[in-house]
Amino acid sequence: MVKLFPASHTSPQVLRDVLQALPHASLAPTGGVTIRRAPDWIAAGAVAVGGGGELTRAAPADVQLRMATGTSSVWRPKLPAQPGGSVAGHGCPRTRG
């Protein structure tokens, strides 16, 4: 897996274009991926996304709550069920089911 950083300086369309040329590449955008945009990255072909910044910009009590409940519980409802991908909060593997 190759970390695509910072994702804030690129786009899901760029990821699609790269994967056209390198279809077997496993790319994981991080750095600027938000909960709102994570589904766009996964749909573009990302195998994982990293979204720690959105978790740490919250108030300290909110960060503790999110960490206690698990970052994947924050991200999972926002992402489509797609085999082979991950949800982020540091690349936690997506459960299949």
N, C-alpha and C. Protein backbone atom coordinates (compact mmCIF):
# COMPACT_ATOMS: atom_id res chain seq x y z
N MET A 1 0.84 -1.16 0.00
CA MET A 1 0.00 0.00 0.00
C MET A 1 0.90 1.23 0.00
N VAL A 2 0.51 2.23 -0.80
CA VAL A 2 1.25 3.48 -0.89
C VAL A 2 0.37 4.59 -0.34
N LYS A 3 0.92 5.34 0.59
CA LYS A 3 0.21 6.47 1.19
C LYS A 3 0.26 7.65 0.23
N LEU A 4 -0.89 8.17 -0.13
CA LEU A 4 -0.99 9.34 -0.99
C LEU A 4 -1.19 10.56 -0.10
N PHE A 5 -0.10 11.30 0.14
CA PHE A 5 -0.10 12.41 1.09
C PHE A 5 0.54 13.64 0.49
N PRO A 6 -0.04 14.78 0.68
CA PRO A 6 -1.31 15.06 1.32
C PRO A 6 -2.45 15.01 0.31
N ALA A 7 -3.49 14.36 0.69
CA ALA A 7 -4.66 14.23 -0.18
C ALA A 7 -5.32 15.58 -0.42
N SER A 8 -5.12 16.52 0.48
CA SER A 8 -5.73 17.84 0.33
C SER A 8 -5.19 18.58 -0.90
N HIS A 9 -4.07 18.12 -1.45
CA HIS A 9 -3.48 18.76 -2.63
C HIS A 9 -3.77 17.99 -3.91
N THR A 10 -4.67 17.04 -3.83
CA THR A 10 -5.04 16.26 -5.02
C THR A 10 -6.55 15.99 -4.95
N SER A 11 -7.03 15.04 -5.72
CA SER A 11 -8.48 14.80 -5.76
C SER A 11 -8.76 13.33 -6.07
N PRO A 12 -9.98 12.89 -5.82
CA PRO A 12 -10.35 11.54 -6.21
C PRO A 12 -10.17 11.29 -7.72
N GLN A 13 -10.38 12.32 -8.53
CA GLN A 13 -10.20 12.15 -9.97
C GLN A 13 -8.74 11.87 -10.32
N VAL A 14 -7.82 12.51 -9.64
CA VAL A 14 -6.39 12.24 -9.85
C VAL A 14 -6.09 10.79 -9.48
N LEU A 15 -6.67 10.32 -8.39
CA LEU A 15 -6.49 8.92 -7.99
C LEU A 15 -7.00 7.99 -9.08
N ARG A 16 -8.18 8.27 -9.63
CA ARG A 16 -8.71 7.46 -10.74
C ARG A 16 -7.74 7.44 -11.92
N ASP A 17 -7.20 8.61 -12.25
CA ASP A 17 -6.28 8.71 -13.38
C ASP A 17 -5.01 7.88 -13.14
N VAL A 18 -4.47 7.95 -11.93
CA VAL A 18 -3.28 7.17 -11.59
C VAL A 18 -3.59 5.68 -11.70
N LEU A 19 -4.76 5.28 -11.20
CA LEU A 19 -5.13 3.86 -11.23
C LEU A 19 -5.41 3.36 -12.64
N GLN A 20 -5.72 4.25 -13.58
CA GLN A 20 -5.84 3.85 -14.98
C GLN A 20 -4.49 3.38 -15.51
N ALA A 21 -3.44 4.09 -15.12
CA ALA A 21 -2.10 3.74 -15.58
C ALA A 21 -1.48 2.61 -14.74
N LEU A 22 -1.84 2.55 -13.46
CA LEU A 22 -1.28 1.56 -12.54
C LEU A 22 -2.43 0.82 -11.83
N PRO A 23 -3.15 -0.02 -12.54
CA PRO A 23 -4.36 -0.62 -11.97
C PRO A 23 -4.13 -1.52 -10.76
N HIS A 24 -2.93 -2.00 -10.55
CA HIS A 24 -2.67 -2.88 -9.42
C HIS A 24 -2.12 -2.13 -8.21
N ALA A 25 -2.00 -0.81 -8.32
CA ALA A 25 -1.49 -0.02 -7.20
C ALA A 25 -2.52 0.02 -6.07
N SER A 26 -2.04 -0.07 -4.86
CA SER A 26 -2.89 0.05 -3.68
C SER A 26 -2.59 1.40 -3.06
N LEU A 27 -3.49 2.36 -3.25
CA LEU A 27 -3.26 3.73 -2.80
C LEU A 27 -4.20 4.09 -1.65
N ALA A 28 -3.66 4.81 -0.68
CA ALA A 28 -4.42 5.22 0.50
C ALA A 28 -4.21 6.71 0.75
N PRO A 29 -5.16 7.55 0.35
CA PRO A 29 -5.01 8.99 0.60
C PRO A 29 -5.14 9.32 2.09
N THR A 30 -4.27 10.20 2.56
CA THR A 30 -4.31 10.70 3.93
C THR A 30 -3.96 12.18 3.91
N GLY A 31 -4.26 12.85 4.99
CA GLY A 31 -3.92 14.27 5.06
C GLY A 31 -4.92 15.13 4.33
N GLY A 32 -6.02 15.42 4.97
CA GLY A 32 -7.05 16.24 4.35
C GLY A 32 -8.29 15.47 3.93
N VAL A 33 -8.33 14.18 4.20
CA VAL A 33 -9.52 13.39 3.92
C VAL A 33 -10.52 13.64 5.05
N THR A 34 -11.74 14.01 4.70
CA THR A 34 -12.77 14.25 5.69
C THR A 34 -13.82 13.14 5.64
N ILE A 35 -14.63 13.08 6.67
CA ILE A 35 -15.70 12.09 6.69
C ILE A 35 -16.62 12.30 5.48
N ARG A 36 -16.87 13.54 5.14
CA ARG A 36 -17.75 13.86 4.01
C ARG A 36 -17.14 13.40 2.68
N ARG A 37 -15.84 13.51 2.52
CA ARG A 37 -15.19 13.18 1.24
C ARG A 37 -14.66 11.76 1.16
N ALA A 38 -14.59 11.04 2.28
CA ALA A 38 -14.07 9.67 2.28
C ALA A 38 -14.78 8.76 1.27
N PRO A 39 -16.11 8.80 1.15
CA PRO A 39 -16.76 7.94 0.16
C PRO A 39 -16.31 8.22 -1.28
N ASP A 40 -15.98 9.48 -1.57
CA ASP A 40 -15.49 9.83 -2.92
C ASP A 40 -14.14 9.16 -3.19
N TRP A 41 -13.27 9.14 -2.19
CA TRP A 41 -11.96 8.51 -2.35
C TRP A 41 -12.10 7.00 -2.52
N ILE A 42 -12.96 6.38 -1.72
CA ILE A 42 -13.17 4.93 -1.83
C ILE A 42 -13.77 4.59 -3.20
N ALA A 43 -14.74 5.38 -3.64
CA ALA A 43 -15.35 5.15 -4.96
C ALA A 43 -14.33 5.33 -6.08
N ALA A 44 -13.32 6.17 -5.86
CA ALA A 44 -12.29 6.40 -6.87
C ALA A 44 -11.27 5.28 -6.93
N GLY A 45 -11.30 4.37 -5.93
CA GLY A 45 -10.39 3.23 -5.96
C GLY A 45 -9.41 3.14 -4.81
N ALA A 46 -9.50 4.05 -3.84
CA ALA A 46 -8.60 3.98 -2.69
C ALA A 46 -8.88 2.70 -1.91
N VAL A 47 -7.82 2.04 -1.43
CA VAL A 47 -7.98 0.83 -0.63
C VAL A 47 -8.17 1.17 0.85
N ALA A 48 -7.84 2.41 1.22
CA ALA A 48 -8.00 2.89 2.60
C ALA A 48 -7.97 4.40 2.55
N VAL A 49 -8.44 5.04 3.59
CA VAL A 49 -8.31 6.48 3.75
C VAL A 49 -7.85 6.76 5.17
N GLY A 50 -7.12 7.84 5.36
CA GLY A 50 -6.68 8.25 6.69
C GLY A 50 -7.31 9.58 7.04
N GLY A 51 -7.89 9.66 8.21
CA GLY A 51 -8.59 10.88 8.59
C GLY A 51 -8.36 11.32 10.01
N GLY A 52 -7.15 11.33 10.48
CA GLY A 52 -6.87 11.70 11.86
C GLY A 52 -7.07 13.17 12.18
N GLY A 53 -6.81 14.06 11.24
CA GLY A 53 -6.92 15.49 11.51
C GLY A 53 -8.32 15.91 11.92
N GLU A 54 -9.31 15.33 11.28
CA GLU A 54 -10.69 15.68 11.62
C GLU A 54 -11.04 15.24 13.03
N LEU A 55 -10.39 14.20 13.52
CA LEU A 55 -10.65 13.73 14.88
C LEU A 55 -9.95 14.60 15.91
N THR A 56 -8.77 15.12 15.59
CA THR A 56 -7.99 15.86 16.58
C THR A 56 -8.30 17.34 16.62
N ARG A 57 -9.04 17.88 15.64
CA ARG A 57 -9.40 19.30 15.67
C ARG A 57 -10.58 19.57 16.61
N ALA A 58 -11.23 18.55 17.11
CA ALA A 58 -12.37 18.71 18.01
C ALA A 58 -11.90 19.11 19.40
N ALA A 59 -12.84 19.48 20.24
CA ALA A 59 -12.53 19.80 21.63
C ALA A 59 -11.94 18.57 22.31
N PRO A 60 -11.04 18.74 23.27
CA PRO A 60 -10.39 17.58 23.90
C PRO A 60 -11.37 16.52 24.42
N ALA A 61 -12.47 16.91 25.04
CA ALA A 61 -13.44 15.93 25.54
C ALA A 61 -14.06 15.15 24.40
N ASP A 62 -14.32 15.82 23.26
CA ASP A 62 -14.90 15.16 22.10
C ASP A 62 -13.92 14.16 21.50
N VAL A 63 -12.63 14.51 21.47
CA VAL A 63 -11.60 13.60 20.97
C VAL A 63 -11.55 12.36 21.85
N GLN A 64 -11.59 12.54 23.16
CA GLN A 64 -11.55 11.40 24.07
C GLN A 64 -12.76 10.50 23.84
N LEU A 65 -13.94 11.08 23.64
CA LEU A 65 -15.14 10.29 23.39
C LEU A 65 -14.99 9.51 22.10
N ARG A 66 -14.51 10.15 21.05
CA ARG A 66 -14.34 9.47 19.76
C ARG A 66 -13.33 8.34 19.86
N MET A 67 -12.26 8.56 20.60
CA MET A 67 -11.25 7.52 20.74
C MET A 67 -11.78 6.37 21.59
N ALA A 68 -12.56 6.68 22.61
CA ALA A 68 -13.12 5.63 23.47
C ALA A 68 -14.12 4.76 22.71
N THR A 69 -14.84 5.36 21.78
CA THR A 69 -15.85 4.60 21.02
C THR A 69 -15.26 3.98 19.77
N GLY A 70 -14.03 4.32 19.42
CA GLY A 70 -13.37 3.74 18.24
C GLY A 70 -13.59 4.62 17.02
N THR A 71 -12.51 4.99 16.36
CA THR A 71 -12.62 5.88 15.20
C THR A 71 -13.43 5.26 14.08
N SER A 72 -13.38 3.95 13.93
CA SER A 72 -14.11 3.35 12.83
C SER A 72 -15.61 3.53 13.00
N SER A 73 -16.09 3.64 14.25
CA SER A 73 -17.52 3.86 14.44
C SER A 73 -17.93 5.25 13.97
N VAL A 74 -17.00 6.19 13.94
CA VAL A 74 -17.28 7.52 13.42
C VAL A 74 -17.34 7.48 11.90
N TRP A 75 -16.46 6.72 11.26
CA TRP A 75 -16.33 6.72 9.81
C TRP A 75 -17.22 5.69 9.12
N ARG A 76 -17.38 4.52 9.69
CA ARG A 76 -18.04 3.41 8.99
C ARG A 76 -19.41 3.77 8.42
N PRO A 77 -20.29 4.47 9.16
CA PRO A 77 -21.61 4.77 8.58
C PRO A 77 -21.55 5.66 7.34
N LYS A 78 -20.46 6.37 7.14
CA LYS A 78 -20.33 7.29 6.01
C LYS A 78 -19.82 6.62 4.74
N LEU A 79 -19.25 5.43 4.86
CA LEU A 79 -18.60 4.78 3.73
C LEU A 79 -19.45 3.65 3.17
N PRO A 80 -19.42 3.49 1.84
CA PRO A 80 -20.16 2.39 1.24
C PRO A 80 -19.51 1.05 1.57
N ALA A 81 -20.29 0.01 1.63
CA ALA A 81 -19.74 -1.33 1.84
C ALA A 81 -19.09 -1.78 0.55
N GLN A 82 -17.79 -1.94 0.57
CA GLN A 82 -17.04 -2.31 -0.62
C GLN A 82 -15.91 -3.23 -0.20
N PRO A 83 -15.88 -4.46 -0.68
CA PRO A 83 -14.82 -5.39 -0.28
C PRO A 83 -13.45 -4.84 -0.61
N GLY A 84 -12.50 -5.11 0.27
CA GLY A 84 -11.11 -4.77 0.00
C GLY A 84 -10.69 -3.39 0.44
N GLY A 85 -11.62 -2.55 0.90
CA GLY A 85 -11.25 -1.21 1.33
C GLY A 85 -11.08 -1.13 2.82
N SER A 86 -10.79 0.05 3.31
CA SER A 86 -10.67 0.28 4.74
C SER A 86 -11.35 1.58 5.06
N VAL A 87 -11.69 1.75 6.28
CA VAL A 87 -12.07 3.06 6.76
C VAL A 87 -10.90 3.57 7.56
N ALA A 88 -10.84 4.86 7.69
CA ALA A 88 -9.67 5.42 8.33
C ALA A 88 -9.90 5.75 9.77
N GLY A 89 -9.17 6.70 10.24
CA GLY A 89 -8.86 6.82 11.62
C GLY A 89 -7.65 5.92 11.69
N HIS A 90 -6.68 6.19 10.86
CA HIS A 90 -5.40 5.52 10.83
C HIS A 90 -5.45 4.15 10.17
N GLY A 91 -6.26 3.99 9.14
CA GLY A 91 -6.22 2.79 8.32
C GLY A 91 -6.81 1.56 8.93
N CYS A 92 -7.77 1.69 9.82
CA CYS A 92 -8.41 0.52 10.43
C CYS A 92 -9.09 -0.30 9.33
N PRO A 93 -8.87 -1.59 9.25
CA PRO A 93 -9.50 -2.37 8.20
C PRO A 93 -11.02 -2.33 8.32
N ARG A 94 -11.65 -2.21 7.19
CA ARG A 94 -13.11 -2.24 7.16
C ARG A 94 -13.58 -3.67 7.38
N THR A 95 -14.57 -3.84 8.22
CA THR A 95 -15.11 -5.18 8.41
C THR A 95 -16.02 -5.50 7.24
N ARG A 96 -16.01 -6.73 6.85
CA ARG A 96 -16.87 -7.16 5.76
C ARG A 96 -18.08 -7.86 6.35
N GLY A 97 -19.20 -7.71 5.72
CA GLY A 97 -20.33 -8.37 6.29
C GLY A 97 -21.50 -8.21 5.52
